[in-house]
Amino acid sequence: MGKITVYHGSNVEVAHPRILQNGFYKDFGYGFYCTSLERQAKRWALTRKGESVVNKYVYVENEHVNIRDFHEMSDEWLDFVVE
């Protein structure tokens, strides 16, 4: 199994991420949003009040988790986002 580094931008350190039961204002609803781009996480952190914190995690792939990976914005990506 592979490992990937992901980042989460926030105004606090998040040592143990968990999915909260609010957040309808997010693009994809509930979730804990991460990116493989540290620069993008820094931008997310700057949108929050207070300190800017970029949390870093190593994700170990799990064959039981269904993941859609889009390497670029495409018609397929847009169809997924709209749905």
PDB file of N, CA and C in Angstrom:
ATOM      1  N   MET A   1       0.845  -1.187   0.000  1.00  0.00           N
ATOM      2  CA  MET A   1       0.000   0.000   0.000  1.00  0.00           C
ATOM      3  C   MET A   1       0.884   1.241   0.000  1.00  0.00           C
ATOM      4  N   GLY A   2       0.418   2.273  -0.709  1.00  0.00           N
ATOM      5  CA  GLY A   2       1.182   3.503  -0.799  1.00  0.00           C
ATOM      6  C   GLY A   2       0.835   4.495   0.291  1.00  0.00           C
ATOM      7  N   LYS A   3       1.680   5.498   0.400  1.00  0.00           N
ATOM      8  CA  LYS A   3       1.456   6.583   1.357  1.00  0.00           C
ATOM      9  C   LYS A   3       1.516   7.898   0.593  1.00  0.00           C
ATOM     10  N   ILE A   4       0.654   8.835   0.985  1.00  0.00           N
ATOM     11  CA  ILE A   4       0.720  10.172   0.414  1.00  0.00           C
ATOM     12  C   ILE A   4       0.659  11.196   1.546  1.00  0.00           C
ATOM     13  N   THR A   5       1.309  12.319   1.336  1.00  0.00           N
ATOM     14  CA  THR A   5       1.267  13.412   2.293  1.00  0.00           C
ATOM     15  C   THR A   5       0.153  14.357   1.879  1.00  0.00           C
ATOM     16  N   VAL A   6      -0.696  14.709   2.846  1.00  0.00           N
ATOM     17  CA  VAL A   6      -1.785  15.654   2.593  1.00  0.00           C
ATOM     18  C   VAL A   6      -1.740  16.754   3.646  1.00  0.00           C
ATOM     19  N   TYR A   7      -2.351  17.897   3.313  1.00  0.00           N
ATOM     20  CA  TYR A   7      -2.315  19.078   4.166  1.00  0.00           C
ATOM     21  C   TYR A   7      -3.729  19.599   4.398  1.00  0.00           C
ATOM     22  N   HIS A   8      -3.922  20.192   5.573  1.00  0.00           N
ATOM     23  CA  HIS A   8      -5.208  20.793   5.937  1.00  0.00           C
ATOM     24  C   HIS A   8      -4.928  22.183   6.496  1.00  0.00           C
ATOM     25  N   GLY A   9      -5.499  23.220   5.854  1.00  0.00           N
ATOM     26  CA  GLY A   9      -5.320  24.587   6.329  1.00  0.00           C
ATOM     27  C   GLY A   9      -6.376  24.947   7.349  1.00  0.00           C
ATOM     28  N   SER A  10      -5.959  25.573   8.449  1.00  0.00           N
ATOM     29  CA  SER A  10      -6.889  25.891   9.531  1.00  0.00           C
ATOM     30  C   SER A  10      -6.344  27.071  10.332  1.00  0.00           C
ATOM     31  N   ASN A  11      -7.043  27.391  11.410  1.00  0.00           N
ATOM     32  CA  ASN A  11      -6.533  28.385  12.354  1.00  0.00           C
ATOM     33  C   ASN A  11      -6.099  27.718  13.660  1.00  0.00           C
ATOM     34  N   VAL A  12      -6.140  26.380  13.685  1.00  0.00           N
ATOM     35  CA  VAL A  12      -5.715  25.617  14.857  1.00  0.00           C
ATOM     36  C   VAL A  12      -4.996  24.349  14.403  1.00  0.00           C
ATOM     37  N   GLU A  13      -4.185  23.799  15.289  1.00  0.00           N
ATOM     38  CA  GLU A  13      -3.575  22.510  15.024  1.00  0.00           C
ATOM     39  C   GLU A  13      -4.640  21.425  15.182  1.00  0.00           C
ATOM     40  N   VAL A  14      -4.675  20.512  14.241  1.00  0.00           N
ATOM     41  CA  VAL A  14      -5.633  19.400  14.290  1.00  0.00           C
ATOM     42  C   VAL A  14      -4.815  18.109  14.315  1.00  0.00           C
ATOM     43  N   ALA A  15      -4.541  17.625  15.524  1.00  0.00           N
ATOM     44  CA  ALA A  15      -3.709  16.435  15.676  1.00  0.00           C
ATOM     45  C   ALA A  15      -4.443  15.170  15.242  1.00  0.00           C
ATOM     46  N   HIS A  16      -5.737  15.103  15.511  1.00  0.00           N
ATOM     47  CA  HIS A  16      -6.543  13.916  15.195  1.00  0.00           C
ATOM     48  C   HIS A  16      -7.800  14.345  14.448  1.00  0.00           C
ATOM     49  N   PRO A  17      -7.739  14.374  13.125  1.00  0.00           N
ATOM     50  CA  PRO A  17      -8.898  14.829  12.342  1.00  0.00           C
ATOM     51  C   PRO A  17     -10.128  13.963  12.580  1.00  0.00           C
ATOM     52  N   ARG A  18     -11.291  14.603  12.522  1.00  0.00           N
ATOM     53  CA  ARG A  18     -12.551  13.881  12.594  1.00  0.00           C
ATOM     54  C   ARG A  18     -13.560  14.638  11.743  1.00  0.00           C
ATOM     55  N   ILE A  19     -14.542  13.934  11.262  1.00  0.00           N
ATOM     56  CA  ILE A  19     -15.566  14.554  10.431  1.00  0.00           C
ATOM     57  C   ILE A  19     -16.653  15.104  11.334  1.00  0.00           C
ATOM     58  N   LEU A  20     -16.887  16.407  11.225  1.00  0.00           N
ATOM     59  CA  LEU A  20     -17.896  17.071  12.045  1.00  0.00           C
ATOM     60  C   LEU A  20     -19.252  17.018  11.347  1.00  0.00           C
ATOM     61  N   GLN A  21     -20.298  17.149  12.110  1.00  0.00           N
ATOM     62  CA  GLN A  21     -21.654  17.056  11.573  1.00  0.00           C
ATOM     63  C   GLN A  21     -22.230  18.425  11.236  1.00  0.00           C
ATOM     64  N   ASN A  22     -21.432  19.286  10.651  1.00  0.00           N
ATOM     65  CA  ASN A  22     -21.925  20.547  10.101  1.00  0.00           C
ATOM     66  C   ASN A  22     -21.038  20.896   8.914  1.00  0.00           C
ATOM     67  N   GLY A  23     -21.420  21.872   8.145  1.00  0.00           N
ATOM     68  CA  GLY A  23     -20.581  22.267   7.032  1.00  0.00           C
ATOM     69  C   GLY A  23     -21.265  22.202   5.685  1.00  0.00           C
ATOM     70  N   PHE A  24     -22.563  22.448   5.653  1.00  0.00           N
ATOM     71  CA  PHE A  24     -23.270  22.437   4.371  1.00  0.00           C
ATOM     72  C   PHE A  24     -22.753  23.512   3.426  1.00  0.00           C
ATOM     73  N   TYR A  25     -22.051  24.502   3.956  1.00  0.00           N
ATOM     74  CA  TYR A  25     -21.533  25.578   3.133  1.00  0.00           C
ATOM     75  C   TYR A  25     -20.316  25.147   2.325  1.00  0.00           C
ATOM     76  N   LYS A  26     -19.798  23.976   2.581  1.00  0.00           N
ATOM     77  CA  LYS A  26     -18.636  23.471   1.844  1.00  0.00           C
ATOM     78  C   LYS A  26     -19.062  22.914   0.498  1.00  0.00           C
ATOM     79  N   ASP A  27     -18.127  22.869  -0.439  1.00  0.00           N
ATOM     80  CA  ASP A  27     -18.421  22.384  -1.790  1.00  0.00           C
ATOM     81  C   ASP A  27     -19.023  20.989  -1.802  1.00  0.00           C
ATOM     82  N   PHE A  28     -18.496  20.100  -0.959  1.00  0.00           N
ATOM     83  CA  PHE A  28     -18.922  18.710  -0.987  1.00  0.00           C
ATOM     84  C   PHE A  28     -19.607  18.282   0.306  1.00  0.00           C
ATOM     85  N   GLY A  29     -20.095  19.240   1.088  1.00  0.00           N
ATOM     86  CA  GLY A  29     -20.805  18.896   2.316  1.00  0.00           C
ATOM     87  C   GLY A  29     -19.861  18.522   3.447  1.00  0.00           C
ATOM     88  N   TYR A  30     -20.318  17.592   4.274  1.00  0.00           N
ATOM     89  CA  TYR A  30     -19.534  17.172   5.440  1.00  0.00           C
ATOM     90  C   TYR A  30     -18.197  16.588   5.007  1.00  0.00           C
ATOM     91  N   GLY A  31     -17.199  16.759   5.822  1.00  0.00           N
ATOM     92  CA  GLY A  31     -15.913  16.140   5.524  1.00  0.00           C
ATOM     93  C   GLY A  31     -14.776  16.884   6.187  1.00  0.00           C
ATOM     94  N   PHE A  32     -13.610  16.339   6.047  1.00  0.00           N
ATOM     95  CA  PHE A  32     -12.375  16.962   6.515  1.00  0.00           C
ATOM     96  C   PHE A  32     -11.537  17.173   5.268  1.00  0.00           C
ATOM     97  N   TYR A  33     -11.432  18.412   4.844  1.00  0.00           N
ATOM     98  CA  TYR A  33     -10.852  18.735   3.551  1.00  0.00           C
ATOM     99  C   TYR A  33      -9.329  18.812   3.613  1.00  0.00           C
ATOM    100  N   CYS A  34      -8.700  18.073   2.727  1.00  0.00           N
ATOM    101  CA  CYS A  34      -7.242  18.056   2.625  1.00  0.00           C
ATOM    102  C   CYS A  34      -6.845  18.232   1.172  1.00  0.00           C
ATOM    103  N   THR A  35      -5.591  18.583   0.977  1.00  0.00           N
ATOM    104  CA  THR A  35      -5.025  18.728  -0.353  1.00  0.00           C
ATOM    105  C   THR A  35      -3.614  18.161  -0.356  1.00  0.00           C
ATOM    106  N   SER A  36      -3.165  17.748  -1.515  1.00  0.00           N
ATOM    107  CA  SER A  36      -1.779  17.289  -1.633  1.00  0.00           C
ATOM    108  C   SER A  36      -0.848  18.471  -1.882  1.00  0.00           C
ATOM    109  N   LEU A  37      -1.406  19.671  -1.995  1.00  0.00           N
ATOM    110  CA  LEU A  37      -0.628  20.883  -2.269  1.00  0.00           C
ATOM    111  C   LEU A  37      -0.505  21.737  -1.007  1.00  0.00           C
ATOM    112  N   GLU A  38       0.686  21.812  -0.453  1.00  0.00           N
ATOM    113  CA  GLU A  38       0.891  22.597   0.761  1.00  0.00           C
ATOM    114  C   GLU A  38       0.527  24.067   0.536  1.00  0.00           C
ATOM    115  N   ARG A  39       0.849  24.588  -0.633  1.00  0.00           N
ATOM    116  CA  ARG A  39       0.537  25.982  -0.963  1.00  0.00           C
ATOM    117  C   ARG A  39      -0.971  26.249  -0.895  1.00  0.00           C
ATOM    118  N   GLN A  40      -1.769  25.301  -1.369  1.00  0.00           N
ATOM    119  CA  GLN A  40      -3.223  25.458  -1.317  1.00  0.00           C
ATOM    120  C   GLN A  40      -3.708  25.449   0.125  1.00  0.00           C
ATOM    121  N   ALA A  41      -3.164  24.577   0.960  1.00  0.00           N
ATOM    122  CA  ALA A  41      -3.543  24.536   2.374  1.00  0.00           C
ATOM    123  C   ALA A  41      -3.196  25.855   3.063  1.00  0.00           C
ATOM    124  N   LYS A  42      -2.077  26.470   2.687  1.00  0.00           N
ATOM    125  CA  LYS A  42      -1.715  27.775   3.261  1.00  0.00           C
ATOM    126  C   LYS A  42      -2.759  28.824   2.901  1.00  0.00           C
ATOM    127  N   ARG A  43      -3.243  28.796   1.669  1.00  0.00           N
ATOM    128  CA  ARG A  43      -4.294  29.746   1.265  1.00  0.00           C
ATOM    129  C   ARG A  43      -5.567  29.499   2.058  1.00  0.00           C
ATOM    130  N   TRP A  44      -5.934  28.222   2.260  1.00  0.00           N
ATOM    131  CA  TRP A  44      -7.125  27.907   3.059  1.00  0.00           C
ATOM    132  C   TRP A  44      -6.961  28.447   4.479  1.00  0.00           C
ATOM    133  N   ALA A  45      -5.770  28.277   5.043  1.00  0.00           N
ATOM    134  CA  ALA A  45      -5.527  28.720   6.417  1.00  0.00           C
ATOM    135  C   ALA A  45      -5.665  30.228   6.538  1.00  0.00           C
ATOM    136  N   LEU A  46      -5.276  30.961   5.524  1.00  0.00           N
ATOM    137  CA  LEU A  46      -5.345  32.424   5.570  1.00  0.00           C
ATOM    138  C   LEU A  46      -6.775  32.946   5.542  1.00  0.00           C
ATOM    139  N   THR A  47      -7.729  32.109   5.152  1.00  0.00           N
ATOM    140  CA  THR A  47      -9.131  32.548   5.113  1.00  0.00           C
ATOM    141  C   THR A  47      -9.801  32.445   6.476  1.00  0.00           C
ATOM    142  N   ARG A  48      -9.121  31.870   7.452  1.00  0.00           N
ATOM    143  CA  ARG A  48      -9.677  31.683   8.790  1.00  0.00           C
ATOM    144  C   ARG A  48      -9.224  32.822   9.702  1.00  0.00           C
ATOM    145  N   LYS A  49     -10.014  33.142  10.720  1.00  0.00           N
ATOM    146  CA  LYS A  49      -9.628  34.161  11.695  1.00  0.00           C
ATOM    147  C   LYS A  49      -8.567  33.594  12.624  1.00  0.00           C
ATOM    148  N   GLY A  50      -7.654  34.435  13.073  1.00  0.00           N
ATOM    149  CA  GLY A  50      -6.623  33.999  14.010  1.00  0.00           C
ATOM    150  C   GLY A  50      -5.378  33.518  13.292  1.00  0.00           C
ATOM    151  N   GLU A  51      -4.662  32.623  13.938  1.00  0.00           N
ATOM    152  CA  GLU A  51      -3.412  32.092  13.397  1.00  0.00           C
ATOM    153  C   GLU A  51      -3.661  31.295  12.122  1.00  0.00           C
ATOM    154  N   SER A  52      -2.646  31.166  11.308  1.00  0.00           N
ATOM    155  CA  SER A  52      -2.698  30.316  10.116  1.00  0.00           C
ATOM    156  C   SER A  52      -1.854  29.079  10.387  1.00  0.00           C
ATOM    157  N   VAL A  53      -2.490  27.924  10.337  1.00  0.00           N
ATOM    158  CA  VAL A  53      -1.807  26.666  10.638  1.00  0.00           C
ATOM    159  C   VAL A  53      -2.018  25.708   9.479  1.00  0.00           C
ATOM    160  N   VAL A  54      -0.918  25.124   9.002  1.00  0.00           N
ATOM    161  CA  VAL A  54      -1.014  24.082   7.983  1.00  0.00           C
ATOM    162  C   VAL A  54      -0.697  22.756   8.671  1.00  0.00           C
ATOM    163  N   ASN A  55      -1.700  21.912   8.766  1.00  0.00           N
ATOM    164  CA  ASN A  55      -1.535  20.587   9.359  1.00  0.00           C
ATOM    165  C   ASN A  55      -1.077  19.621   8.273  1.00  0.00           C
ATOM    166  N   LYS A  56      -0.148  18.738   8.628  1.00  0.00           N
ATOM    167  CA  LYS A  56       0.418  17.795   7.666  1.00  0.00           C
ATOM    168  C   LYS A  56       0.148  16.373   8.151  1.00  0.00           C
ATOM    169  N   TYR A  57      -0.312  15.524   7.237  1.00  0.00           N
ATOM    170  CA  TYR A  57      -0.630  14.136   7.575  1.00  0.00           C
ATOM    171  C   TYR A  57      -0.048  13.203   6.524  1.00  0.00           C
ATOM    172  N   VAL A  58       0.257  11.994   6.942  1.00  0.00           N
ATOM    173  CA  VAL A  58       0.631  10.935   6.007  1.00  0.00           C
ATOM    174  C   VAL A  58      -0.548   9.980   5.940  1.00  0.00           C
ATOM    175  N   TYR A  59      -1.124   9.864   4.765  1.00  0.00           N
ATOM    176  CA  TYR A  59      -2.274   8.978   4.557  1.00  0.00           C
ATOM    177  C   TYR A  59      -1.765   7.664   3.980  1.00  0.00           C
ATOM    178  N   VAL A  60      -2.091   6.574   4.630  1.00  0.00           N
ATOM    179  CA  VAL A  60      -1.748   5.246   4.145  1.00  0.00           C
ATOM    180  C   VAL A  60      -2.957   4.717   3.387  1.00  0.00           C
ATOM    181  N   GLU A  61      -2.766   4.416   2.115  1.00  0.00           N
ATOM    182  CA  GLU A  61      -3.875   3.953   1.295  1.00  0.00           C
ATOM    183  C   GLU A  61      -4.542   2.730   1.912  1.00  0.00           C
ATOM    184  N   ASN A  62      -5.874   2.697   1.777  1.00  0.00           N
ATOM    185  CA  ASN A  62      -6.685   1.625   2.329  1.00  0.00           C
ATOM    186  C   ASN A  62      -7.539   1.072   1.203  1.00  0.00           C
ATOM    187  N   GLU A  63      -7.369  -0.187   0.869  1.00  0.00           N
ATOM    188  CA  GLU A  63      -8.092  -0.774  -0.264  1.00  0.00           C
ATOM    189  C   GLU A  63      -9.599  -0.807  -0.054  1.00  0.00           C
ATOM    190  N   HIS A  64     -10.060  -0.588   1.168  1.00  0.00           N
ATOM    191  CA  HIS A  64     -11.495  -0.615   1.464  1.00  0.00           C
ATOM    192  C   HIS A  64     -12.154   0.764   1.339  1.00  0.00           C
ATOM    193  N   VAL A  65     -11.359   1.782   1.045  1.00  0.00           N
ATOM    194  CA  VAL A  65     -11.874   3.138   0.891  1.00  0.00           C
ATOM    195  C   VAL A  65     -11.952   3.452  -0.601  1.00  0.00           C
ATOM    196  N   ASN A  66     -13.112   3.924  -1.037  1.00  0.00           N
ATOM    197  CA  ASN A  66     -13.331   4.260  -2.441  1.00  0.00           C
ATOM    198  C   ASN A  66     -12.899   5.704  -2.675  1.00  0.00           C
ATOM    199  N   ILE A  67     -11.865   5.900  -3.482  1.00  0.00           N
ATOM    200  CA  ILE A  67     -11.311   7.229  -3.735  1.00  0.00           C
ATOM    201  C   ILE A  67     -11.393   7.555  -5.216  1.00  0.00           C
ATOM    202  N   ARG A  68     -11.864   8.762  -5.516  1.00  0.00           N
ATOM    203  CA  ARG A  68     -11.822   9.280  -6.886  1.00  0.00           C
ATOM    204  C   ARG A  68     -10.692  10.288  -6.928  1.00  0.00           C
ATOM    205  N   ASP A  69      -9.748  10.108  -7.801  1.00  0.00           N
ATOM    206  CA  ASP A  69      -8.585  10.982  -7.902  1.00  0.00           C
ATOM    207  C   ASP A  69      -8.587  11.653  -9.271  1.00  0.00           C
ATOM    208  N   PHE A  70      -8.745  12.972  -9.278  1.00  0.00           N
ATOM    209  CA  PHE A  70      -8.712  13.741 -10.515  1.00  0.00           C
ATOM    210  C   PHE A  70      -7.394  14.508 -10.549  1.00  0.00           C
ATOM    211  N   HIS A  71      -6.590  14.262 -11.552  1.00  0.00           N
ATOM    212  CA  HIS A  71      -5.280  14.903 -11.651  1.00  0.00           C
ATOM    213  C   HIS A  71      -5.351  16.285 -12.289  1.00  0.00           C
ATOM    214  N   GLU A  72      -6.508  16.599 -12.873  1.00  0.00           N
ATOM    215  CA  GLU A  72      -6.695  17.913 -13.471  1.00  0.00           C
ATOM    216  C   GLU A  72      -8.194  18.188 -13.584  1.00  0.00           C
ATOM    217  N   MET A  73      -8.515  19.459 -13.770  1.00  0.00           N
ATOM    218  CA  MET A  73      -9.910  19.811 -13.995  1.00  0.00           C
ATOM    219  C   MET A  73     -10.276  19.360 -15.409  1.00  0.00           C
ATOM    220  N   SER A  74     -11.319  18.572 -15.485  1.00  0.00           N
ATOM    221  CA  SER A  74     -11.754  18.017 -16.766  1.00  0.00           C
ATOM    222  C   SER A  74     -13.274  17.959 -16.769  1.00  0.00           C
ATOM    223  N   ASP A  75     -13.849  17.545 -17.894  1.00  0.00           N
ATOM    224  CA  ASP A  75     -15.303  17.371 -17.938  1.00  0.00           C
ATOM    225  C   ASP A  75     -15.751  16.331 -16.916  1.00  0.00           C
ATOM    226  N   GLU A  76     -14.971  15.255 -16.764  1.00  0.00           N
ATOM    227  CA  GLU A  76     -15.311  14.216 -15.790  1.00  0.00           C
ATOM    228  C   GLU A  76     -15.281  14.789 -14.364  1.00  0.00           C
ATOM    229  N   TRP A  77     -14.273  15.601 -14.058  1.00  0.00           N
ATOM    230  CA  TRP A  77     -14.159  16.249 -12.746  1.00  0.00           C
ATOM    231  C   TRP A  77     -15.363  17.165 -12.511  1.00  0.00           C
ATOM    232  N   LEU A  78     -15.699  17.987 -13.519  1.00  0.00           N
ATOM    233  CA  LEU A  78     -16.803  18.920 -13.371  1.00  0.00           C
ATOM    234  C   LEU A  78     -18.133  18.191 -13.175  1.00  0.00           C
ATOM    235  N   ASP A  79     -18.351  17.110 -13.921  1.00  0.00           N
ATOM    236  CA  ASP A  79     -19.573  16.311 -13.750  1.00  0.00           C
ATOM    237  C   ASP A  79     -19.662  15.780 -12.324  1.00  0.00           C
ATOM    238  N   PHE A  80     -18.539  15.334 -11.766  1.00  0.00           N
ATOM    239  CA  PHE A  80     -18.493  14.819 -10.393  1.00  0.00           C
ATOM    240  C   PHE A  80     -18.841  15.926  -9.396  1.00  0.00           C
ATOM    241  N   VAL A  81     -18.256  17.111  -9.586  1.00  0.00           N
ATOM    242  CA  VAL A  81     -18.505  18.235  -8.676  1.00  0.00           C
ATOM    243  C   VAL A  81     -19.962  18.658  -8.738  1.00  0.00           C
ATOM    244  N   VAL A  82     -20.518  18.757  -9.932  1.00  0.00           N
ATOM    245  CA  VAL A  82     -21.904  19.209 -10.087  1.00  0.00           C
ATOM    246  C   VAL A  82     -22.880  18.221  -9.473  1.00  0.00           C
ATOM    247  N   GLU A  83     -22.606  16.923  -9.665  1.00  0.00           N
ATOM    248  CA  GLU A  83     -23.505  15.906  -9.107  1.00  0.00           C
ATOM    249  C   GLU A  83     -23.429  15.888  -7.610  1.00  0.00           C
TER     250      GLU A  83
END
